[in-house]
Protein backbone atom coordinates (compact mmCIF):
# COMPACT_ATOMS: atom_id res chain seq x y z
CA MET A 1 24.51 7.42 3.86
CA VAL A 2 21.62 5.03 4.23
CA ALA A 3 21.29 2.25 6.80
CA GLU A 4 19.95 -1.06 5.55
CA MET A 5 18.79 -3.81 7.89
CA SER A 6 19.04 -7.46 6.98
CA ILE A 7 18.26 -10.44 9.17
CA ARG A 8 20.33 -13.58 8.78
CA GLY A 9 19.75 -16.45 11.15
CA GLY A 10 18.34 -14.19 13.86
CA ILE A 11 21.37 -11.90 13.81
CA ILE A 12 20.71 -8.37 12.68
CA ASP A 13 23.42 -6.81 10.56
CA PHE A 14 23.54 -3.15 9.63
CA CYS A 15 25.29 -2.50 6.36
CA ILE A 16 26.18 1.05 5.52
CA LEU A 17 25.61 1.74 1.84
CA GLU A 18 27.11 4.64 -0.01
CA ALA A 19 24.60 6.95 -1.67
CA ILE A 20 24.98 9.86 -4.04
CA ILE A 21 24.03 13.00 -2.13
CA ILE A 22 23.59 16.43 -3.67
CA ALA A 23 26.31 18.72 -2.32
CA THR A 24 24.26 20.73 0.17
CA GLU A 25 21.76 18.00 1.09
CA VAL A 26 22.20 16.18 4.37
CA VAL A 27 20.48 12.85 4.95
CA LYS A 28 19.81 11.98 8.57
CA VAL A 29 19.58 8.30 9.38
CA PRO A 30 16.98 7.82 12.11
CA GLU A 31 17.76 5.89 15.26
CA ILE A 32 16.38 2.37 14.89
CA ILE A 33 15.14 0.70 18.07
CA PHE A 34 14.05 -2.91 18.33
CA ALA A 35 11.41 -3.80 20.92
CA ASN A 36 9.63 -7.07 21.44
CA THR A 37 5.91 -7.27 22.13
CA ARG A 38 6.42 -7.36 25.90
CA GLU A 39 8.53 -4.20 25.79
CA LEU A 40 5.86 -2.56 23.63
CA LYS A 41 3.22 -3.44 26.20
CA ASN A 42 5.30 -2.23 29.16
CA ARG A 43 6.92 0.83 27.54
CA THR A 44 4.28 2.06 25.08
CA ASN A 45 4.44 5.74 26.07
CA GLU A 46 8.23 5.82 26.03
CA LEU A 47 8.39 4.16 22.61
CA LEU A 48 5.73 6.53 21.24
CA ARG A 49 7.73 9.52 22.50
CA LYS A 50 10.84 8.18 20.78
CA ALA A 51 8.91 7.64 17.53
CA ALA A 52 7.53 11.18 17.75
CA GLY A 53 11.11 12.38 18.25
CA GLY A 54 12.28 10.80 14.99
CA SER A 55 13.25 7.24 15.91
CA TRP A 56 11.98 4.19 14.09
CA ILE A 57 10.81 1.39 16.35
CA ILE A 58 10.71 -2.13 14.95
CA ILE A 59 8.38 -4.40 16.93
CA THR A 60 9.42 -8.05 17.02
CA ARG A 61 7.67 -11.25 18.00
CA ARG A 62 9.95 -14.17 18.77
CA GLY A 63 12.83 -12.26 17.19
CA LYS A 64 11.10 -11.56 13.87
CA PRO A 65 9.95 -8.06 12.82
CA VAL A 66 6.14 -7.82 12.71
CA ALA A 67 5.40 -4.06 12.80
CA SER A 68 7.05 -0.67 12.89
CA LEU A 69 6.45 2.71 14.49
CA LYS A 70 7.81 5.78 12.77
CA PRO A 71 7.37 9.52 13.09
CA PHE A 72 4.05 10.78 11.75
CA SER A 73 3.97 12.90 8.62
CA ASN A 74 1.11 14.42 6.64
CA ALA A 75 1.97 12.06 3.78
CA ASP A 76 0.70 9.21 5.99
CA LEU A 77 -2.84 10.55 5.58
CA GLN A 78 -2.72 10.64 1.81
CA GLU A 79 -4.21 7.66 0.05
CA GLU A 80 -1.50 6.28 -2.14
CA GLN A 81 -1.98 3.69 -4.81
CA PRO A 82 0.19 0.63 -4.39
CA ASP A 83 3.25 0.76 -6.60
CA THR A 84 3.70 -2.91 -7.39
CA ALA A 85 4.51 -4.69 -10.61
CA LEU A 86 1.01 -6.19 -10.69
CA TYR A 87 -0.61 -2.77 -10.18
CA ARG A 88 1.52 -1.22 -12.94
CA MET A 89 0.69 -4.09 -15.32
CA LEU A 90 -3.05 -3.74 -14.64
CA ARG A 91 -2.88 0.04 -15.04
CA GLU A 92 -1.09 -0.36 -18.40
CA ARG A 93 -3.63 -2.93 -19.65
CA ILE A 94 -6.55 -0.71 -18.66
CA ALA A 95 -4.92 2.31 -20.31
CA ALA A 96 -4.39 0.28 -23.50
CA THR A 97 -8.03 -0.83 -23.73
CA GLN A 98 -9.64 2.29 -22.24
CA PRO A 99 -7.35 5.22 -23.14
CA HIS A 100 -9.82 7.83 -21.85
CA LEU A 101 -9.75 6.53 -18.23
CA PRO A 102 -6.25 7.73 -17.18
CA ALA A 103 -7.15 11.27 -18.28
CA MET A 104 -10.26 11.39 -16.07
CA THR A 105 -10.29 13.11 -12.69
CA ALA A 106 -11.07 11.23 -9.49
CA GLU A 107 -14.56 12.78 -9.41
CA GLU A 108 -15.29 11.69 -13.00
CA LEU A 109 -14.11 8.16 -12.20
CA ARG A 110 -16.32 8.09 -9.10
CA VAL A 111 -19.38 9.04 -11.20
CA VAL A 112 -18.57 6.34 -13.78
CA ASN A 113 -18.14 3.79 -10.97
CA GLU A 114 -21.45 4.72 -9.34
CA THR A 115 -23.27 4.55 -12.71
CA LEU A 116 -21.87 1.09 -13.47
CA SER A 117 -22.61 -0.11 -9.93
CA ALA A 118 -26.24 0.99 -10.24
CA LYS A 119 -26.58 -0.91 -13.54
CA VAL A 120 -25.03 -4.07 -12.08
CA GLN A 121 -27.25 -3.99 -8.98
CA ALA A 122 -30.35 -4.12 -11.22
CA PHE A 123 -29.61 -7.79 -12.01
CA PRO A 124 -30.49 -10.61 -9.58
CA SER A 125 -27.24 -12.47 -10.36
CA TRP A 126 -24.10 -12.23 -12.44
CA GLU A 127 -25.48 -15.00 -14.68
CA ALA A 128 -28.50 -12.84 -15.58
CA MET A 129 -26.24 -9.89 -16.31
CA ASP A 130 -24.01 -12.10 -18.47
CA ARG A 131 -27.02 -13.35 -20.48
CA VAL A 132 -28.12 -9.78 -21.21
CA ALA A 133 -24.59 -8.79 -22.19
CA LYS A 134 -24.45 -11.72 -24.62
CA GLY A 135 -27.83 -10.89 -26.15
CA ASP A 136 -29.83 -13.69 -24.50
CA PRO A 137 -31.78 -11.92 -21.72
CA TYR A 138 -34.19 -14.82 -21.13
CA GLY A 139 -31.70 -17.69 -21.15
CA VAL A 140 -33.28 -19.30 -24.21
CA PHE A 141 -30.02 -20.42 -25.78
CA GLY A 142 -28.44 -21.67 -22.55
CA GLN A 143 -24.75 -22.03 -21.99
């Protein structure tokens, strides 16, 4: 079972949704605590202890959620790429035009980035770089 929170007109409803669970797997729904900014200020240590114990704390300002505290996990330290529709679309377009890039390691990509950055920094402006790229390094033909 999974708890889902929805806010309608300032009233918080918890709807219990059915989920398919593998026979031996147990899903524990964390305790969800709501605290306004004043409570956070006055009860910081207590709320941090509860978060460390597995609770999720939703911080509200004027009744609207603005932040959350949750138990720490090692996954929080890993840099994750955003998984948004825009990111996926950009990744697909880059892969279509530059098929060798997705196969490169992070270190290889870093070297490519540093090489390109060094080349770009050699130009006084993006206009000068654009002129060279178009074959008019001295601006003779103009725009």
